[in-house]
Amino acid sequence: MTASPRIGVLGVGNVLMGDNGIGPFVLKILESRYEFPPEVVLHDLGSPGLDIPSFFVDYDAIILIGAVSAKGRPGGLRLYRKHQLVRASTPERVTPYDPVLGEALLFAELGGKCPREILLVGIIPKTTILGCSLSHAVQVAVVPAISAVLAELHRLGARAKVRPHEAKPSILQTEQVSFEFTLGETTHVPGYSG
């Protein structure tokens, strides 16, 4: 471990499968709008495979962002902590990547290489068919997802700063999504008490 806790903000999902690409999408918006301290690393994992545990070992804490298989309306935000993700038998699928993600976290935990803090910021997809656009319901979830990430970073002692000049995000969904939303209220996430 390094002197300062290393925090990984990891987007998971396939940008070619509709709402499944929400994790990388949110990650690119964060990169374009915020500056992060050196201990925070943003990384797009794409669709995780068996190599996913290798992305966890360098971090003391990780924030995963992606679509989740959960009951609720499309665009609903679900937050899962480490104890909910790391368990030997998962009664329900938490993400479309189960069992890969769950098993990876479990093996990392058993091997002593699992980050001490984990938060999955999950968004319920409307559609995950082939295509590069996000549904309107999932687009609406972008601001609450960003708020959840920023709130967790703050809780972990890492503050992001708004960029003086916002960069255009390098994402496939740019033509489909309105970037006219405001991120001014980033401290409250409905249903999340931190």
C-alpha atoms as a PDB file:
ATOM      1  CA  MET A   1       0.000   0.000   0.000  1.00  0.00           C
ATOM      2  CA  THR A   2       1.067   3.546  -0.647  1.00  0.00           C
ATOM      3  CA  ALA A   3       1.172   6.331   1.938  1.00  0.00           C
ATOM      4  CA  SER A   4      -2.025   7.862   0.553  1.00  0.00           C
ATOM      5  CA  PRO A   5      -4.946   5.507  -0.021  1.00  0.00           C
ATOM      6  CA  ARG A   6      -5.317   4.721  -3.702  1.00  0.00           C
ATOM      7  CA  ILE A   7      -8.864   4.890  -4.975  1.00  0.00           C
ATOM      8  CA  GLY A   8      -9.981   3.338  -8.242  1.00  0.00           C
ATOM      9  CA  VAL A   9     -13.077   4.671  -9.981  1.00  0.00           C
ATOM     10  CA  LEU A  10     -13.848   1.879 -12.419  1.00  0.00           C
ATOM     11  CA  GLY A  11     -16.458   1.944 -15.174  1.00  0.00           C
ATOM     12  CA  VAL A  12     -17.778  -1.465 -16.238  1.00  0.00           C
ATOM     13  CA  GLY A  13     -19.943  -2.255 -19.233  1.00  0.00           C
ATOM     14  CA  ASN A  14     -20.114  -2.726 -22.962  1.00  0.00           C
ATOM     15  CA  VAL A  15     -20.706   0.577 -24.789  1.00  0.00           C
ATOM     16  CA  LEU A  16     -22.017  -1.343 -27.811  1.00  0.00           C
ATOM     17  CA  MET A  17     -24.919  -2.835 -25.834  1.00  0.00           C
ATOM     18  CA  GLY A  18     -27.221   0.113 -25.117  1.00  0.00           C
ATOM     19  CA  ASP A  19     -27.720   0.854 -21.417  1.00  0.00           C
ATOM     20  CA  ASN A  20     -25.037  -1.685 -20.519  1.00  0.00           C
ATOM     21  CA  GLY A  21     -22.550   1.062 -21.425  1.00  0.00           C
ATOM     22  CA  ILE A  22     -23.660   3.396 -18.622  1.00  0.00           C
ATOM     23  CA  GLY A  23     -20.561   2.683 -16.485  1.00  0.00           C
ATOM     24  CA  PRO A  24     -18.007   3.824 -19.073  1.00  0.00           C
ATOM     25  CA  PHE A  25     -20.335   6.704 -20.014  1.00  0.00           C
ATOM     26  CA  VAL A  26     -20.479   8.064 -16.437  1.00  0.00           C
ATOM     27  CA  LEU A  27     -16.711   7.602 -16.132  1.00  0.00           C
ATOM     28  CA  LYS A  28     -16.091   9.727 -19.248  1.00  0.00           C
ATOM     29  CA  ILE A  29     -18.410  12.469 -17.966  1.00  0.00           C
ATOM     30  CA  LEU A  30     -16.487  12.495 -14.673  1.00  0.00           C
ATOM     31  CA  GLU A  31     -13.174  12.768 -16.563  1.00  0.00           C
ATOM     32  CA  SER A  32     -14.455  15.644 -18.689  1.00  0.00           C
ATOM     33  CA  ARG A  33     -15.927  17.703 -15.838  1.00  0.00           C
ATOM     34  CA  TYR A  34     -13.668  17.077 -12.830  1.00  0.00           C
ATOM     35  CA  GLU A  35     -10.037  17.069 -11.788  1.00  0.00           C
ATOM     36  CA  PHE A  36      -9.061  14.394  -9.291  1.00  0.00           C
ATOM     37  CA  PRO A  37      -6.250  14.210  -6.757  1.00  0.00           C
ATOM     38  CA  PRO A  38      -3.304  11.935  -7.662  1.00  0.00           C
ATOM     39  CA  GLU A  39      -4.516   9.094  -5.443  1.00  0.00           C
ATOM     40  CA  VAL A  40      -7.706   8.743  -7.528  1.00  0.00           C
ATOM     41  CA  VAL A  41      -7.402   6.726 -10.735  1.00  0.00           C
ATOM     42  CA  LEU A  42     -10.236   6.515 -13.294  1.00  0.00           C
ATOM     43  CA  HIS A  43     -10.265   3.431 -15.512  1.00  0.00           C
ATOM     44  CA  ASP A  44     -12.714   1.983 -18.042  1.00  0.00           C
ATOM     45  CA  LEU A  45     -12.725  -1.802 -17.566  1.00  0.00           C
ATOM     46  CA  GLY A  46     -15.117  -2.498 -20.438  1.00  0.00           C
ATOM     47  CA  SER A  47     -16.831  -5.873 -20.035  1.00  0.00           C
ATOM     48  CA  PRO A  48     -14.965  -7.614 -17.228  1.00  0.00           C
ATOM     49  CA  GLY A  49     -13.482 -11.041 -17.805  1.00  0.00           C
ATOM     50  CA  LEU A  50     -11.510 -13.473 -15.708  1.00  0.00           C
ATOM     51  CA  ASP A  51      -8.680 -10.939 -15.411  1.00  0.00           C
ATOM     52  CA  ILE A  52     -10.799  -8.505 -13.392  1.00  0.00           C
ATOM     53  CA  PRO A  53      -9.134  -9.307 -10.005  1.00  0.00           C
ATOM     54  CA  SER A  54      -5.889  -7.849 -11.369  1.00  0.00           C
ATOM     55  CA  PHE A  55      -7.591  -4.428 -11.438  1.00  0.00           C
ATOM     56  CA  PHE A  56      -8.375  -4.537  -7.702  1.00  0.00           C
ATOM     57  CA  VAL A  57      -4.961  -5.246  -6.156  1.00  0.00           C
ATOM     58  CA  ASP A  58      -3.543  -1.741  -6.550  1.00  0.00           C
ATOM     59  CA  TYR A  59      -6.338  -0.024  -4.658  1.00  0.00           C
ATOM     60  CA  ASP A  60      -7.331   0.499  -1.047  1.00  0.00           C
ATOM     61  CA  ALA A  61     -10.833   1.453  -2.211  1.00  0.00           C
ATOM     62  CA  ILE A  62     -12.787   1.054  -5.432  1.00  0.00           C
ATOM     63  CA  ILE A  63     -15.932   2.629  -6.787  1.00  0.00           C
ATOM     64  CA  LEU A  64     -17.464   0.550  -9.564  1.00  0.00           C
ATOM     65  CA  ILE A  65     -20.005   2.133 -11.921  1.00  0.00           C
ATOM     66  CA  GLY A  66     -22.224   0.023 -14.150  1.00  0.00           C
ATOM     67  CA  ALA A  67     -25.594  -1.437 -15.012  1.00  0.00           C
ATOM     68  CA  VAL A  68     -27.161  -3.706 -12.381  1.00  0.00           C
ATOM     69  CA  SER A  69     -29.695  -6.492 -12.590  1.00  0.00           C
ATOM     70  CA  ALA A  70     -32.064  -5.351  -9.867  1.00  0.00           C
ATOM     71  CA  LYS A  71     -35.784  -4.948  -9.421  1.00  0.00           C
ATOM     72  CA  GLY A  72     -37.060  -1.451  -9.993  1.00  0.00           C
ATOM     73  CA  ARG A  73     -37.718   1.060 -12.687  1.00  0.00           C
ATOM     74  CA  PRO A  74     -35.163   1.599 -15.465  1.00  0.00           C
ATOM     75  CA  GLY A  75     -32.756   4.332 -14.448  1.00  0.00           C
ATOM     76  CA  GLY A  76     -33.111   3.518 -10.752  1.00  0.00           C
ATOM     77  CA  LEU A  77     -29.904   3.926  -8.764  1.00  0.00           C
ATOM     78  CA  ARG A  78     -28.718   1.050  -6.563  1.00  0.00           C
ATOM     79  CA  LEU A  79     -25.713   1.261  -4.263  1.00  0.00           C
ATOM     80  CA  TYR A  80     -24.002  -1.893  -2.992  1.00  0.00           C
ATOM     81  CA  ARG A  81     -21.236  -2.051  -0.391  1.00  0.00           C
ATOM     82  CA  LYS A  82     -18.468  -4.622  -0.107  1.00  0.00           C
ATOM     83  CA  HIS A  83     -20.348  -6.858   2.332  1.00  0.00           C
ATOM     84  CA  GLN A  84     -23.226  -7.110  -0.158  1.00  0.00           C
ATOM     85  CA  LEU A  85     -20.957  -7.985  -3.070  1.00  0.00           C
ATOM     86  CA  VAL A  86     -18.437 -10.310  -1.411  1.00  0.00           C
ATOM     87  CA  ARG A  87     -20.163 -13.455  -0.276  1.00  0.00           C
ATOM     88  CA  ALA A  88     -19.840 -17.112  -1.124  1.00  0.00           C
ATOM     89  CA  SER A  89     -23.380 -17.583  -2.402  1.00  0.00           C
ATOM     90  CA  THR A  90     -25.138 -14.685  -4.057  1.00  0.00           C
ATOM     91  CA  PRO A  91     -28.914 -15.208  -3.890  1.00  0.00           C
ATOM     92  CA  GLU A  92     -29.615 -12.744  -6.700  1.00  0.00           C
ATOM     93  CA  ARG A  93     -27.661 -11.400  -9.623  1.00  0.00           C
ATOM     94  CA  VAL A  94     -26.333  -7.977  -8.703  1.00  0.00           C
ATOM     95  CA  THR A  95     -24.760  -7.105 -12.040  1.00  0.00           C
ATOM     96  CA  PRO A  96     -24.945  -8.411 -15.598  1.00  0.00           C
ATOM     97  CA  TYR A  97     -21.333  -9.554 -15.007  1.00  0.00           C
ATOM     98  CA  ASP A  98     -22.188 -12.038 -12.262  1.00  0.00           C
ATOM     99  CA  PRO A  99     -20.707 -14.377 -11.426  1.00  0.00           C
ATOM    100  CA  VAL A 100     -17.450 -12.862 -12.744  1.00  0.00           C
ATOM    101  CA  LEU A 101     -17.533  -9.725 -10.568  1.00  0.00           C
ATOM    102  CA  GLY A 102     -18.815 -11.466  -7.438  1.00  0.00           C
ATOM    103  CA  GLU A 103     -16.334 -14.316  -7.746  1.00  0.00           C
ATOM    104  CA  ALA A 104     -13.477 -11.924  -8.483  1.00  0.00           C
ATOM    105  CA  LEU A 105     -14.208  -9.918  -5.346  1.00  0.00           C
ATOM    106  CA  LEU A 106     -14.599 -13.085  -3.285  1.00  0.00           C
ATOM    107  CA  PHE A 107     -11.280 -14.514  -4.507  1.00  0.00           C
ATOM    108  CA  ALA A 108      -9.551 -11.177  -3.956  1.00  0.00           C
ATOM    109  CA  GLU A 109     -10.974 -11.100  -0.415  1.00  0.00           C
ATOM    110  CA  LEU A 110      -9.865 -14.680   0.309  1.00  0.00           C
ATOM    111  CA  GLY A 111      -6.411 -13.914  -1.093  1.00  0.00           C
ATOM    112  CA  GLY A 112      -6.045 -10.816   1.067  1.00  0.00           C
ATOM    113  CA  LYS A 113      -5.912  -8.510  -1.966  1.00  0.00           C
ATOM    114  CA  CYS A 114      -9.411  -7.069  -1.919  1.00  0.00           C
ATOM    115  CA  PRO A 115      -9.764  -3.322  -1.370  1.00  0.00           C
ATOM    116  CA  ARG A 116     -11.002  -2.499   2.125  1.00  0.00           C
ATOM    117  CA  GLU A 117     -13.739  -0.247   0.725  1.00  0.00           C
ATOM    118  CA  ILE A 118     -15.958  -1.096  -2.242  1.00  0.00           C
ATOM    119  CA  LEU A 119     -19.001   0.711  -3.573  1.00  0.00           C
ATOM    120  CA  LEU A 120     -20.904  -0.365  -6.672  1.00  0.00           C
ATOM    121  CA  VAL A 121     -22.898   2.529  -8.128  1.00  0.00           C
ATOM    122  CA  GLY A 122     -25.430   0.631 -10.188  1.00  0.00           C
ATOM    123  CA  ILE A 123     -28.077   1.827 -12.594  1.00  0.00           C
ATOM    124  CA  ILE A 124     -30.984  -0.365 -13.688  1.00  0.00           C
ATOM    125  CA  PRO A 125     -30.935  -0.597 -17.507  1.00  0.00           C
ATOM    126  CA  LYS A 126     -33.992  -0.353 -19.733  1.00  0.00           C
ATOM    127  CA  THR A 127     -32.465  -2.140 -22.703  1.00  0.00           C
ATOM    128  CA  THR A 128     -29.193  -3.913 -23.368  1.00  0.00           C
ATOM    129  CA  ILE A 129     -29.619  -4.693 -27.049  1.00  0.00           C
ATOM    130  CA  LEU A 130     -26.965  -4.020 -29.655  1.00  0.00           C
ATOM    131  CA  GLY A 131     -26.548  -0.271 -30.167  1.00  0.00           C
ATOM    132  CA  CYS A 132     -24.594   2.699 -28.879  1.00  0.00           C
ATOM    133  CA  SER A 133     -27.406   4.827 -27.472  1.00  0.00           C
ATOM    134  CA  LEU A 134     -28.610   5.107 -23.888  1.00  0.00           C
ATOM    135  CA  SER A 135     -32.319   5.084 -23.062  1.00  0.00           C
ATOM    136  CA  HIS A 136     -33.802   8.304 -21.714  1.00  0.00           C
ATOM    137  CA  ALA A 137     -34.457   6.628 -18.329  1.00  0.00           C
ATOM    138  CA  VAL A 138     -30.762   5.767 -17.958  1.00  0.00           C
ATOM    139  CA  GLN A 139     -29.639   9.208 -19.176  1.00  0.00           C
ATOM    140  CA  VAL A 140     -31.633  10.736 -16.311  1.00  0.00           C
ATOM    141  CA  ALA A 141     -29.648   8.566 -13.868  1.00  0.00           C
ATOM    142  CA  VAL A 142     -26.287  10.080 -14.898  1.00  0.00           C
ATOM    143  CA  VAL A 143     -26.443  13.021 -12.456  1.00  0.00           C
ATOM    144  CA  PRO A 144     -27.412  10.902  -9.407  1.00  0.00           C
ATOM    145  CA  ALA A 145     -24.688   8.378 -10.325  1.00  0.00           C
ATOM    146  CA  ILE A 146     -22.070  11.136 -10.555  1.00  0.00           C
ATOM    147  CA  SER A 147     -23.316  12.546  -7.246  1.00  0.00           C
ATOM    148  CA  ALA A 148     -22.934   9.129  -5.623  1.00  0.00           C
ATOM    149  CA  VAL A 149     -19.361   8.788  -6.906  1.00  0.00           C
ATOM    150  CA  LEU A 150     -18.412  12.284  -5.710  1.00  0.00           C
ATOM    151  CA  ALA A 151     -20.045  11.690  -2.311  1.00  0.00           C
ATOM    152  CA  GLU A 152     -18.116   8.431  -1.886  1.00  0.00           C
ATOM    153  CA  LEU A 153     -14.835  10.078  -2.880  1.00  0.00           C
ATOM    154  CA  HIS A 154     -15.519  12.804  -0.320  1.00  0.00           C
ATOM    155  CA  ARG A 155     -16.259  10.157   2.336  1.00  0.00           C
ATOM    156  CA  LEU A 156     -12.920   8.517   1.489  1.00  0.00           C
ATOM    157  CA  GLY A 157     -11.098  11.839   1.868  1.00  0.00           C
ATOM    158  CA  ALA A 158     -10.571  12.619  -1.824  1.00  0.00           C
ATOM    159  CA  ARG A 159     -12.203  15.716  -3.273  1.00  0.00           C
ATOM    160  CA  ALA A 160     -12.769  16.243  -6.958  1.00  0.00           C
ATOM    161  CA  LYS A 161     -12.672  19.794  -8.308  1.00  0.00           C
ATOM    162  CA  VAL A 162     -14.792  21.094 -11.153  1.00  0.00           C
ATOM    163  CA  ARG A 163     -12.607  21.750 -14.198  1.00  0.00           C
ATOM    164  CA  PRO A 164     -12.360  25.445 -15.109  1.00  0.00           C
ATOM    165  CA  HIS A 165     -13.030  24.479 -18.737  1.00  0.00           C
ATOM    166  CA  GLU A 166     -15.077  21.377 -19.331  1.00  0.00           C
ATOM    167  CA  ALA A 167     -13.705  19.043 -21.992  1.00  0.00           C
ATOM    168  CA  LYS A 168     -15.968  17.281 -24.464  1.00  0.00           C
ATOM    169  CA  PRO A 169     -16.252  13.662 -23.317  1.00  0.00           C
ATOM    170  CA  SER A 170     -14.819  11.051 -25.694  1.00  0.00           C
ATOM    171  CA  ILE A 171     -17.806   8.725 -25.802  1.00  0.00           C
ATOM    172  CA  LEU A 172     -19.892   7.040 -28.468  1.00  0.00           C
ATOM    173  CA  GLN A 173     -23.184   8.215 -26.972  1.00  0.00           C
ATOM    174  CA  THR A 174     -22.393  11.939 -27.359  1.00  0.00           C
ATOM    175  CA  GLU A 175     -24.916  12.458 -30.167  1.00  0.00           C
ATOM    176  CA  GLN A 176     -27.699  10.767 -28.204  1.00  0.00           C
ATOM    177  CA  VAL A 177     -27.379  12.468 -24.834  1.00  0.00           C
ATOM    178  CA  SER A 178     -28.074  16.026 -23.820  1.00  0.00           C
ATOM    179  CA  PHE A 179     -25.242  17.539 -21.817  1.00  0.00           C
ATOM    180  CA  GLU A 180     -27.372  20.396 -20.569  1.00  0.00           C
ATOM    181  CA  PHE A 181     -27.792  18.917 -17.095  1.00  0.00           C
ATOM    182  CA  THR A 182     -26.410  20.715 -14.070  1.00  0.00           C
ATOM    183  CA  LEU A 183     -24.139  19.053 -11.569  1.00  0.00           C
ATOM    184  CA  GLY A 184     -24.406  21.820  -8.991  1.00  0.00           C
ATOM    185  CA  GLU A 185     -26.208  19.693  -6.417  1.00  0.00           C
ATOM    186  CA  THR A 186     -23.770  16.866  -5.895  1.00  0.00           C
ATOM    187  CA  THR A 187     -24.043  16.257  -2.191  1.00  0.00           C
ATOM    188  CA  HIS A 188     -27.419  14.532  -1.950  1.00  0.00           C
ATOM    189  CA  VAL A 189     -28.296  11.266  -3.615  1.00  0.00           C
ATOM    190  CA  PRO A 190     -31.885  10.084  -3.077  1.00  0.00           C
ATOM    191  CA  GLY A 191     -31.967   6.971  -0.912  1.00  0.00           C
ATOM    192  CA  TYR A 192     -28.255   7.150  -0.062  1.00  0.00           C
ATOM    193  CA  SER A 193     -27.164   8.101   3.410  1.00  0.00           C
ATOM    194  CA  GLY A 194     -23.472   7.367   2.860  1.00  0.00           C
END
